[in-house]
Structures are given as C-alpha cells and as structure tokens.
Amino acid sequence: METMISQVVAFGATMLIGGVLGLVFDFYRVLRGIGSPTPIVTTIGDILFWIIATAVSFYILLKVTWADVRFYVFIGFLVGFNLYRAFLSRPVIHILLSSYSAGKAASYWIDQVGYRLSDVVRSHVREPIGMFVSRITQHKGRKGRP
C-alpha cells in the first residue's frame, strides 16, 4: 500500500510529464508548421511522436511509481497538459517562432557577409595574384633578360 506522500509525489510527476509532453508537442507542431510536410510525412511524424511520448512517459512512470498505473496518473497527465496549454503554450510557440525567424535572419546575414568577403578576396587578393602570375609566366617565355 502506497503512502499518501508517495501518491502526491507520483501525481506531481504525472502532471510534470503532461506539461513536458505539451512542450514537446508544441515544438513538434512548430516544426511541422515551418516544414509544411506532406500528409504521409505528417502521419509518420505523428506516429513517431506518440511512440516516443509513450516510451518516455512509461520510463518516467516506471522510475516514479514503479509502473503502478492508477486513475490519478491519467488525471495528472491531463491536468499537466492542460495547465501547460492554458498558461505556457502561446508564449512557448511565440519564442520558438521568434527563434526560428532570428536564426533565419542570422543565416541570411552570415551568407551576405560570406559573399561580401569572397568579393573582397577575389578583387583584392585573387586578381592581383593572378595578374602577377601571368606576368611571371609571360617573362619566362622571353629570351634574354629573366
């Protein structure tokens, strides 16, 4: 027989699992929204998500409640998931989308800097060296003065 304290701890852990599943689900939703996958890829992704979510949930339940699944476990999942969705989902999605936009902008900026640097290298280093090499090869072909 479990003590009341161990049941409260288990309920808290299941609420935490529900919240973490909500976070991972939002991350997956943002990825799916950015990538615009085909229906087949979406189906495969959904199945993989639920397989991984189930495995992680079972592993945590195994560690916390020794895989003793009771009704309060499901209630804890639902409460944690719904609390996450009610209070944290929108800010998290906003942060994920903002991070994606910032990363995309940074990638564009890095590309532009790389293009500018390659232009500088080409015009200030490569072309003068090419001209120098061509003059040397022209002088080698002449007789007389080296």
C-alpha atoms as a PDB file:
ATOM      1  CA  MET A   1       0.000   0.000   0.000  1.00  0.00           C
ATOM      2  CA  GLU A   2       1.361   3.366  -1.011  1.00  0.00           C
ATOM      3  CA  THR A   3       1.519   6.238   1.395  1.00  0.00           C
ATOM      4  CA  MET A   4      -0.299   9.456   0.716  1.00  0.00           C
ATOM      5  CA  ILE A   5       3.012  11.309   0.246  1.00  0.00           C
ATOM      6  CA  SER A   6       4.198   8.895  -2.448  1.00  0.00           C
ATOM      7  CA  GLN A   7       0.880   9.258  -4.244  1.00  0.00           C
ATOM      8  CA  VAL A   8       1.118  13.060  -4.146  1.00  0.00           C
ATOM      9  CA  VAL A   9       4.672  12.859  -5.493  1.00  0.00           C
ATOM     10  CA  ALA A  10       3.504  10.498  -8.240  1.00  0.00           C
ATOM     11  CA  PHE A  11       0.626  12.831  -9.102  1.00  0.00           C
ATOM     12  CA  GLY A  12       3.036  15.778  -9.302  1.00  0.00           C
ATOM     13  CA  ALA A  13       5.356  13.749 -11.518  1.00  0.00           C
ATOM     14  CA  THR A  14       2.496  12.832 -13.854  1.00  0.00           C
ATOM     15  CA  MET A  15       1.479  16.495 -14.020  1.00  0.00           C
ATOM     16  CA  LEU A  16       5.068  17.343 -14.918  1.00  0.00           C
ATOM     17  CA  ILE A  17       5.083  14.624 -17.587  1.00  0.00           C
ATOM     18  CA  GLY A  18       1.860  16.073 -19.025  1.00  0.00           C
ATOM     19  CA  GLY A  19       3.431  19.536 -19.163  1.00  0.00           C
ATOM     20  CA  VAL A  20       6.601  18.236 -20.790  1.00  0.00           C
ATOM     21  CA  LEU A  21       4.515  16.359 -23.350  1.00  0.00           C
ATOM     22  CA  GLY A  22       2.703  19.608 -24.100  1.00  0.00           C
ATOM     23  CA  LEU A  23       6.039  21.379 -24.603  1.00  0.00           C
ATOM     24  CA  VAL A  24       7.352  18.661 -26.904  1.00  0.00           C
ATOM     25  CA  PHE A  25       4.064  18.649 -28.791  1.00  0.00           C
ATOM     26  CA  ASP A  26       4.288  22.433 -29.339  1.00  0.00           C
ATOM     27  CA  PHE A  27       7.854  22.030 -30.583  1.00  0.00           C
ATOM     28  CA  TYR A  28       6.659  19.335 -32.990  1.00  0.00           C
ATOM     29  CA  ARG A  29       3.726  21.498 -34.125  1.00  0.00           C
ATOM     30  CA  VAL A  30       6.047  24.427 -34.874  1.00  0.00           C
ATOM     31  CA  LEU A  31       8.428  22.184 -36.820  1.00  0.00           C
ATOM     32  CA  ARG A  32       5.541  20.727 -38.766  1.00  0.00           C
ATOM     33  CA  GLY A  33       4.171  24.200 -39.492  1.00  0.00           C
ATOM     34  CA  ILE A  34       7.514  25.522 -40.701  1.00  0.00           C
ATOM     35  CA  GLY A  35       8.302  22.499 -42.849  1.00  0.00           C
ATOM     36  CA  SER A  36       4.860  22.009 -44.464  1.00  0.00           C
ATOM     37  CA  PRO A  37       5.250  18.226 -44.787  1.00  0.00           C
ATOM     38  CA  THR A  38       3.096  16.017 -46.972  1.00  0.00           C
ATOM     39  CA  PRO A  39       0.214  14.100 -45.355  1.00  0.00           C
ATOM     40  CA  ILE A  40       2.264  10.881 -45.343  1.00  0.00           C
ATOM     41  CA  VAL A  41       5.204  12.559 -43.594  1.00  0.00           C
ATOM     42  CA  THR A  42       2.778  14.146 -41.113  1.00  0.00           C
ATOM     43  CA  THR A  43       1.233  10.753 -40.344  1.00  0.00           C
ATOM     44  CA  ILE A  44       4.636   9.133 -39.861  1.00  0.00           C
ATOM     45  CA  GLY A  45       5.743  12.058 -37.673  1.00  0.00           C
ATOM     46  CA  ASP A  46       2.582  11.818 -35.563  1.00  0.00           C
ATOM     47  CA  ILE A  47       3.060   8.091 -35.045  1.00  0.00           C
ATOM     48  CA  LEU A  48       6.727   8.562 -34.115  1.00  0.00           C
ATOM     49  CA  PHE A  49       5.821  11.384 -31.744  1.00  0.00           C
ATOM     50  CA  TRP A  50       3.294   9.247 -29.886  1.00  0.00           C
ATOM     51  CA  ILE A  51       5.612   6.223 -29.767  1.00  0.00           C
ATOM     52  CA  ILE A  52       8.389   8.351 -28.268  1.00  0.00           C
ATOM     53  CA  ALA A  53       5.978  10.175 -25.924  1.00  0.00           C
ATOM     54  CA  THR A  54       4.556   6.868 -24.709  1.00  0.00           C
ATOM     55  CA  ALA A  55       8.010   5.349 -24.183  1.00  0.00           C
ATOM     56  CA  VAL A  56       9.304   8.378 -22.268  1.00  0.00           C
ATOM     57  CA  SER A  57       6.130   8.574 -20.178  1.00  0.00           C
ATOM     58  CA  PHE A  58       6.310   4.884 -19.336  1.00  0.00           C
ATOM     59  CA  TYR A  59      10.003   5.161 -18.420  1.00  0.00           C
ATOM     60  CA  ILE A  60       9.333   8.081 -16.072  1.00  0.00           C
ATOM     61  CA  LEU A  61       6.320   6.285 -14.600  1.00  0.00           C
ATOM     62  CA  LEU A  62       8.495   3.227 -14.081  1.00  0.00           C
ATOM     63  CA  LYS A  63      11.023   5.310 -12.136  1.00  0.00           C
ATOM     64  CA  VAL A  64       8.467   7.291 -10.119  1.00  0.00           C
ATOM     65  CA  THR A  65       5.577   4.892  -9.494  1.00  0.00           C
ATOM     66  CA  TRP A  66       7.223   1.552 -10.320  1.00  0.00           C
ATOM     67  CA  ALA A  67       4.845   1.362 -13.304  1.00  0.00           C
ATOM     68  CA  ASP A  68       1.856   1.308 -10.976  1.00  0.00           C
ATOM     69  CA  VAL A  69      -0.723   2.932 -13.225  1.00  0.00           C
ATOM     70  CA  ARG A  70      -3.742   4.222 -11.370  1.00  0.00           C
ATOM     71  CA  PHE A  71      -6.537   6.543 -12.326  1.00  0.00           C
ATOM     72  CA  TYR A  72      -4.783   9.580 -10.816  1.00  0.00           C
ATOM     73  CA  VAL A  73      -1.900   9.004 -13.237  1.00  0.00           C
ATOM     74  CA  PHE A  74      -4.151   9.765 -16.209  1.00  0.00           C
ATOM     75  CA  ILE A  75      -5.715  12.687 -14.363  1.00  0.00           C
ATOM     76  CA  GLY A  76      -2.201  14.024 -13.680  1.00  0.00           C
ATOM     77  CA  PHE A  77      -1.276  13.755 -17.367  1.00  0.00           C
ATOM     78  CA  LEU A  78      -4.401  15.645 -18.369  1.00  0.00           C
ATOM     79  CA  VAL A  79      -4.041  18.313 -15.677  1.00  0.00           C
ATOM     80  CA  GLY A  80      -0.366  18.906 -16.517  1.00  0.00           C
ATOM     81  CA  PHE A  81      -1.025  19.014 -20.240  1.00  0.00           C
ATOM     82  CA  ASN A  82      -3.994  21.375 -19.858  1.00  0.00           C
ATOM     83  CA  LEU A  83      -2.157  23.669 -17.424  1.00  0.00           C
ATOM     84  CA  TYR A  84       0.711  23.877 -19.883  1.00  0.00           C
ATOM     85  CA  ARG A  85      -1.668  24.603 -22.773  1.00  0.00           C
ATOM     86  CA  ALA A  86      -3.548  27.244 -20.774  1.00  0.00           C
ATOM     87  CA  PHE A  87      -0.555  29.183 -19.422  1.00  0.00           C
ATOM     88  CA  LEU A  88       2.611  28.364 -21.358  1.00  0.00           C
ATOM     89  CA  SER A  89       1.743  27.142 -24.837  1.00  0.00           C
ATOM     90  CA  ARG A  90       1.308  30.536 -26.517  1.00  0.00           C
ATOM     91  CA  PRO A  91       4.494  32.082 -25.091  1.00  0.00           C
ATOM     92  CA  VAL A  92       6.488  28.953 -25.938  1.00  0.00           C
ATOM     93  CA  ILE A  93       5.189  28.887 -29.516  1.00  0.00           C
ATOM     94  CA  HIS A  94       5.978  32.602 -29.807  1.00  0.00           C
ATOM     95  CA  ILE A  95       9.522  32.004 -28.529  1.00  0.00           C
ATOM     96  CA  LEU A  96      10.028  29.057 -30.897  1.00  0.00           C
ATOM     97  CA  LEU A  97       8.784  31.008 -33.915  1.00  0.00           C
ATOM     98  CA  SER A  98      10.835  34.070 -32.931  1.00  0.00           C
ATOM     99  CA  SER A  99      13.922  31.893 -32.526  1.00  0.00           C
ATOM    100  CA  TYR A 100      13.323  30.389 -35.955  1.00  0.00           C
ATOM    101  CA  SER A 101      12.925  33.853 -37.508  1.00  0.00           C
ATOM    102  CA  ALA A 102      16.056  35.133 -35.752  1.00  0.00           C
ATOM    103  CA  GLY A 103      18.006  32.071 -36.877  1.00  0.00           C
ATOM    104  CA  LYS A 104      16.810  32.521 -40.429  1.00  0.00           C
ATOM    105  CA  ALA A 105      17.786  36.218 -40.385  1.00  0.00           C
ATOM    106  CA  ALA A 106      21.184  35.390 -38.870  1.00  0.00           C
ATOM    107  CA  SER A 107      21.742  32.749 -41.535  1.00  0.00           C
ATOM    108  CA  TYR A 108      20.906  35.268 -44.263  1.00  0.00           C
ATOM    109  CA  TRP A 109      23.230  37.836 -42.683  1.00  0.00           C
ATOM    110  CA  ILE A 110      26.079  35.301 -42.424  1.00  0.00           C
ATOM    111  CA  ASP A 111      25.549  34.353 -46.072  1.00  0.00           C
ATOM    112  CA  GLN A 112      25.708  38.020 -47.090  1.00  0.00           C
ATOM    113  CA  VAL A 113      28.891  38.578 -45.085  1.00  0.00           C
ATOM    114  CA  GLY A 114      30.385  35.486 -46.715  1.00  0.00           C
ATOM    115  CA  TYR A 115      29.505  36.761 -50.183  1.00  0.00           C
ATOM    116  CA  ARG A 116      30.988  40.171 -49.405  1.00  0.00           C
ATOM    117  CA  LEU A 117      34.166  38.594 -48.050  1.00  0.00           C
ATOM    118  CA  SER A 118      34.515  36.413 -51.119  1.00  0.00           C
ATOM    119  CA  ASP A 119      34.138  39.527 -53.306  1.00  0.00           C
ATOM    120  CA  VAL A 120      36.862  41.277 -51.314  1.00  0.00           C
ATOM    121  CA  VAL A 121      39.143  38.249 -51.522  1.00  0.00           C
ATOM    122  CA  ARG A 122      38.530  37.922 -55.249  1.00  0.00           C
ATOM    123  CA  SER A 123      39.099  41.600 -56.038  1.00  0.00           C
ATOM    124  CA  HIS A 124      41.956  42.379 -53.630  1.00  0.00           C
ATOM    125  CA  VAL A 125      43.809  39.094 -53.367  1.00  0.00           C
ATOM    126  CA  ARG A 126      42.994  36.672 -56.154  1.00  0.00           C
ATOM    127  CA  GLU A 127      43.040  39.098 -59.097  1.00  0.00           C
ATOM    128  CA  PRO A 128      46.359  40.772 -58.185  1.00  0.00           C
ATOM    129  CA  ILE A 129      47.967  37.376 -57.617  1.00  0.00           C
ATOM    130  CA  GLY A 130      46.570  36.184 -60.960  1.00  0.00           C
ATOM    131  CA  MET A 131      47.994  39.248 -62.699  1.00  0.00           C
ATOM    132  CA  PHE A 132      51.379  38.726 -61.009  1.00  0.00           C
ATOM    133  CA  VAL A 133      51.467  35.051 -62.017  1.00  0.00           C
ATOM    134  CA  SER A 134      50.516  35.867 -65.611  1.00  0.00           C
ATOM    135  CA  ARG A 135      53.317  38.470 -65.836  1.00  0.00           C
ATOM    136  CA  ILE A 136      55.831  35.999 -64.462  1.00  0.00           C
ATOM    137  CA  THR A 137      54.794  33.356 -66.979  1.00  0.00           C
ATOM    138  CA  GLN A 138      54.983  35.924 -69.787  1.00  0.00           C
ATOM    139  CA  HIS A 139      58.526  36.876 -68.758  1.00  0.00           C
ATOM    140  CA  LYS A 140      59.659  33.236 -68.613  1.00  0.00           C
ATOM    141  CA  GLY A 141      58.793  32.762 -72.269  1.00  0.00           C
ATOM    142  CA  ARG A 142      61.135  35.615 -73.350  1.00  0.00           C
ATOM    143  CA  LYS A 143      64.805  35.092 -74.182  1.00  0.00           C
ATOM    144  CA  GLY A 144      67.386  37.332 -72.777  1.00  0.00           C
ATOM    145  CA  ARG A 145      66.524  39.084 -69.570  1.00  0.00           C
ATOM    146  CA  PRO A 146      64.925  36.969 -66.889  1.00  0.00           C
END
